Amino acid sequence: MNSPDMLLDSFKIALVKKDSKLAFSLIERLSLEQIKSLDLDTLLSLKEMIAKSIELLEKEKEELQSQMHKAKKIQKFLS
């Protein structure tokens, strides 16, 4: 990511699309140098985007656990 605006825009796109893989990838690629160079407003926005990304990941985890539980019930019923 070259500019802070591009970084925030990429996070927004990932969150609107509910693309947890992209959001996680953006978080992983953040470097300390990148973070140090950001102004306070951008850091606060980035913090919010990361928090929303974590919420998205947690929601997907819960949905996956629910699907697995249903699959186990079906498997138990069929056996």
N, C-alpha and C. Protein backbone atom coordinates (compact mmCIF):
# COMPACT_ATOMS: atom_id res chain seq x y z
N MET A 1 0.85 -1.18 0.00
CA MET A 1 0.00 0.00 0.00
C MET A 1 0.88 1.24 0.00
N ASN A 2 0.67 2.06 -0.94
CA ASN A 2 1.49 3.26 -1.05
C ASN A 2 1.02 4.38 -0.15
N SER A 3 -0.25 4.70 -0.20
CA SER A 3 -0.72 5.83 0.60
C SER A 3 -1.69 5.37 1.67
N PRO A 4 -1.80 6.15 2.73
CA PRO A 4 -2.76 5.80 3.79
C PRO A 4 -4.19 5.73 3.27
N ASP A 5 -4.53 6.63 2.33
CA ASP A 5 -5.88 6.61 1.77
C ASP A 5 -6.16 5.32 1.02
N MET A 6 -5.16 4.83 0.28
CA MET A 6 -5.32 3.57 -0.44
C MET A 6 -5.52 2.42 0.55
N LEU A 7 -4.78 2.45 1.63
CA LEU A 7 -4.89 1.41 2.65
C LEU A 7 -6.29 1.40 3.26
N LEU A 8 -6.76 2.57 3.67
CA LEU A 8 -8.10 2.66 4.26
C LEU A 8 -9.17 2.28 3.25
N ASP A 9 -9.02 2.71 2.00
CA ASP A 9 -9.98 2.35 0.96
C ASP A 9 -10.01 0.84 0.75
N SER A 10 -8.86 0.21 0.78
CA SER A 10 -8.80 -1.24 0.61
C SER A 10 -9.52 -1.95 1.77
N PHE A 11 -9.33 -1.45 2.98
CA PHE A 11 -10.05 -2.01 4.12
C PHE A 11 -11.55 -1.83 3.95
N LYS A 12 -11.96 -0.64 3.54
CA LYS A 12 -13.39 -0.37 3.36
C LYS A 12 -13.99 -1.31 2.32
N ILE A 13 -13.29 -1.50 1.22
CA ILE A 13 -13.76 -2.41 0.17
C ILE A 13 -13.89 -3.83 0.72
N ALA A 14 -12.88 -4.28 1.43
CA ALA A 14 -12.90 -5.63 2.00
C ALA A 14 -14.09 -5.80 2.95
N LEU A 15 -14.35 -4.78 3.76
CA LEU A 15 -15.43 -4.87 4.73
C LEU A 15 -16.80 -4.80 4.06
N VAL A 16 -16.94 -3.95 3.05
CA VAL A 16 -18.21 -3.86 2.33
C VAL A 16 -18.51 -5.19 1.62
N LYS A 17 -17.48 -5.78 1.04
CA LYS A 17 -17.63 -7.07 0.35
C LYS A 17 -17.68 -8.24 1.34
N LYS A 18 -17.44 -7.95 2.62
CA LYS A 18 -17.33 -8.99 3.65
C LYS A 18 -16.29 -10.02 3.26
N ASP A 19 -15.18 -9.51 2.77
CA ASP A 19 -14.06 -10.34 2.32
C ASP A 19 -13.04 -10.43 3.44
N SER A 20 -13.23 -11.40 4.31
CA SER A 20 -12.36 -11.53 5.48
C SER A 20 -10.93 -11.89 5.08
N LYS A 21 -10.78 -12.62 3.99
CA LYS A 21 -9.42 -13.00 3.55
C LYS A 21 -8.63 -11.76 3.15
N LEU A 22 -9.26 -10.86 2.41
CA LEU A 22 -8.59 -9.63 2.01
C LEU A 22 -8.28 -8.77 3.23
N ALA A 23 -9.26 -8.63 4.12
CA ALA A 23 -9.05 -7.82 5.32
C ALA A 23 -7.89 -8.37 6.15
N PHE A 24 -7.86 -9.69 6.32
CA PHE A 24 -6.78 -10.31 7.09
C PHE A 24 -5.44 -10.10 6.39
N SER A 25 -5.45 -10.22 5.08
CA SER A 25 -4.22 -10.01 4.30
C SER A 25 -3.70 -8.58 4.47
N LEU A 26 -4.60 -7.62 4.47
CA LEU A 26 -4.20 -6.22 4.66
C LEU A 26 -3.58 -6.01 6.05
N ILE A 27 -4.16 -6.66 7.04
CA ILE A 27 -3.62 -6.54 8.40
C ILE A 27 -2.23 -7.16 8.46
N GLU A 28 -2.09 -8.32 7.86
CA GLU A 28 -0.79 -9.02 7.87
C GLU A 28 0.31 -8.21 7.20
N ARG A 29 -0.06 -7.47 6.16
CA ARG A 29 0.95 -6.74 5.39
C ARG A 29 1.32 -5.39 5.98
N LEU A 30 0.64 -4.98 7.04
CA LEU A 30 0.99 -3.71 7.68
C LEU A 30 2.39 -3.81 8.29
N SER A 31 3.19 -2.83 8.02
CA SER A 31 4.54 -2.81 8.61
C SER A 31 4.60 -1.73 9.69
N LEU A 32 5.54 -1.89 10.59
CA LEU A 32 5.73 -0.92 11.66
C LEU A 32 6.09 0.44 11.08
N GLU A 33 6.91 0.45 10.04
CA GLU A 33 7.30 1.72 9.40
C GLU A 33 6.07 2.42 8.82
N GLN A 34 5.20 1.63 8.22
CA GLN A 34 3.97 2.19 7.65
C GLN A 34 3.13 2.82 8.75
N ILE A 35 2.97 2.11 9.84
CA ILE A 35 2.14 2.59 10.95
C ILE A 35 2.74 3.84 11.57
N LYS A 36 4.05 3.85 11.74
CA LYS A 36 4.73 5.01 12.34
C LYS A 36 4.56 6.28 11.52
N SER A 37 4.39 6.12 10.22
CA SER A 37 4.32 7.30 9.35
C SER A 37 2.91 7.89 9.26
N LEU A 38 1.92 7.24 9.86
CA LEU A 38 0.54 7.71 9.75
C LEU A 38 0.23 8.80 10.77
N ASP A 39 -0.66 9.70 10.38
CA ASP A 39 -1.10 10.73 11.33
C ASP A 39 -2.17 10.15 12.25
N LEU A 40 -2.51 10.88 13.28
CA LEU A 40 -3.41 10.38 14.32
C LEU A 40 -4.79 10.01 13.76
N ASP A 41 -5.36 10.86 12.91
CA ASP A 41 -6.68 10.57 12.34
C ASP A 41 -6.66 9.28 11.53
N THR A 42 -5.61 9.10 10.75
CA THR A 42 -5.49 7.89 9.94
C THR A 42 -5.30 6.67 10.83
N LEU A 43 -4.51 6.82 11.89
CA LEU A 43 -4.33 5.71 12.83
C LEU A 43 -5.65 5.30 13.49
N LEU A 44 -6.44 6.29 13.87
CA LEU A 44 -7.73 6.00 14.48
C LEU A 44 -8.66 5.30 13.49
N SER A 45 -8.65 5.76 12.24
CA SER A 45 -9.45 5.11 11.20
C SER A 45 -8.97 3.68 10.97
N LEU A 46 -7.67 3.50 10.93
CA LEU A 46 -7.09 2.18 10.73
C LEU A 46 -7.46 1.25 11.89
N LYS A 47 -7.42 1.78 13.10
CA LYS A 47 -7.81 1.00 14.28
C LYS A 47 -9.25 0.52 14.14
N GLU A 48 -10.12 1.40 13.70
CA GLU A 48 -11.53 1.04 13.51
C GLU A 48 -11.69 -0.02 12.42
N MET A 49 -10.96 0.12 11.34
CA MET A 49 -11.03 -0.86 10.25
C MET A 49 -10.54 -2.23 10.72
N ILE A 50 -9.48 -2.24 11.50
CA ILE A 50 -8.96 -3.51 12.03
C ILE A 50 -9.98 -4.13 12.98
N ALA A 51 -10.60 -3.32 13.83
CA ALA A 51 -11.61 -3.82 14.76
C ALA A 51 -12.79 -4.43 13.99
N LYS A 52 -13.22 -3.76 12.94
CA LYS A 52 -14.33 -4.28 12.12
C LYS A 52 -13.92 -5.57 11.40
N SER A 53 -12.67 -5.63 10.99
CA SER A 53 -12.17 -6.85 10.35
C SER A 53 -12.19 -8.02 11.33
N ILE A 54 -11.81 -7.75 12.56
CA ILE A 54 -11.83 -8.80 13.59
C ILE A 54 -13.26 -9.25 13.85
N GLU A 55 -14.20 -8.29 13.91
CA GLU A 55 -15.61 -8.64 14.09
C GLU A 55 -16.10 -9.53 12.95
N LEU A 56 -15.71 -9.20 11.73
CA LEU A 56 -16.09 -10.00 10.57
C LEU A 56 -15.54 -11.42 10.69
N LEU A 57 -14.29 -11.54 11.08
CA LEU A 57 -13.67 -12.86 11.25
C LEU A 57 -14.38 -13.66 12.35
N GLU A 58 -14.73 -13.00 13.44
CA GLU A 58 -15.42 -13.68 14.54
C GLU A 58 -16.81 -14.14 14.11
N LYS A 59 -17.50 -13.30 13.35
CA LYS A 59 -18.84 -13.67 12.86
C LYS A 59 -18.74 -14.88 11.93
N GLU A 60 -17.76 -14.88 11.04
CA GLU A 60 -17.58 -16.01 10.14
C GLU A 60 -17.22 -17.28 10.91
N LYS A 61 -16.44 -17.13 11.97
CA LYS A 61 -16.08 -18.28 12.80
C LYS A 61 -17.33 -18.87 13.45
N GLU A 62 -18.20 -18.01 13.98
CA GLU A 62 -19.44 -18.47 14.60
C GLU A 62 -20.33 -19.18 13.59
N GLU A 63 -20.44 -18.62 12.38
CA GLU A 63 -21.25 -19.23 11.34
C GLU A 63 -20.70 -20.60 10.96
N LEU A 64 -19.40 -20.70 10.85
CA LEU A 64 -18.76 -21.97 10.51
C LEU A 64 -18.98 -23.01 11.61
N GLN A 65 -18.87 -22.59 12.86
CA GLN A 65 -19.11 -23.50 13.98
C GLN A 65 -20.56 -24.00 13.96
N SER A 66 -21.49 -23.11 13.65
CA SER A 66 -22.90 -23.49 13.57
C SER A 66 -23.12 -24.50 12.44
N GLN A 67 -22.51 -24.26 11.29
CA GLN A 67 -22.64 -25.19 10.17
C GLN A 67 -22.05 -26.55 10.52
N MET A 68 -20.91 -26.55 11.20
CA MET A 68 -20.28 -27.81 11.60
C MET A 68 -21.17 -28.56 12.59
N HIS A 69 -21.78 -27.84 13.51
CA HIS A 69 -22.68 -28.46 14.49
C HIS A 69 -23.87 -29.09 13.77
N LYS A 70 -24.44 -28.38 12.80
CA LYS A 70 -25.57 -28.93 12.03
C LYS A 70 -25.14 -30.16 11.25
N ALA A 71 -23.96 -30.11 10.65
CA ALA A 71 -23.46 -31.25 9.88
C ALA A 71 -23.26 -32.46 10.78
N LYS A 72 -22.77 -32.24 11.99
CA LYS A 72 -22.60 -33.35 12.94
C LYS A 72 -23.94 -33.95 13.34
N LYS A 73 -24.96 -33.09 13.53
CA LYS A 73 -26.29 -33.57 13.87
C LYS A 73 -26.85 -34.43 12.73
N ILE A 74 -26.67 -33.96 11.51
CA ILE A 74 -27.16 -34.70 10.35
C ILE A 74 -26.43 -36.03 10.23
N GLN A 75 -25.11 -35.99 10.42
CA GLN A 75 -24.31 -37.21 10.34
C GLN A 75 -24.76 -38.21 11.41
N LYS A 76 -25.02 -37.72 12.61
CA LYS A 76 -25.47 -38.58 13.71
C LYS A 76 -26.84 -39.16 13.39
N PHE A 77 -27.72 -38.34 12.82
CA PHE A 77 -29.06 -38.79 12.46
C PHE A 77 -29.01 -39.88 11.39
N LEU A 78 -28.11 -39.72 10.44
CA LEU A 78 -28.02 -40.67 9.33
C LEU A 78 -27.32 -41.97 9.70
N SER A 79 -26.60 -41.98 10.81
CA SER A 79 -25.86 -43.21 11.16
C SER A 79 -26.62 -44.09 12.13
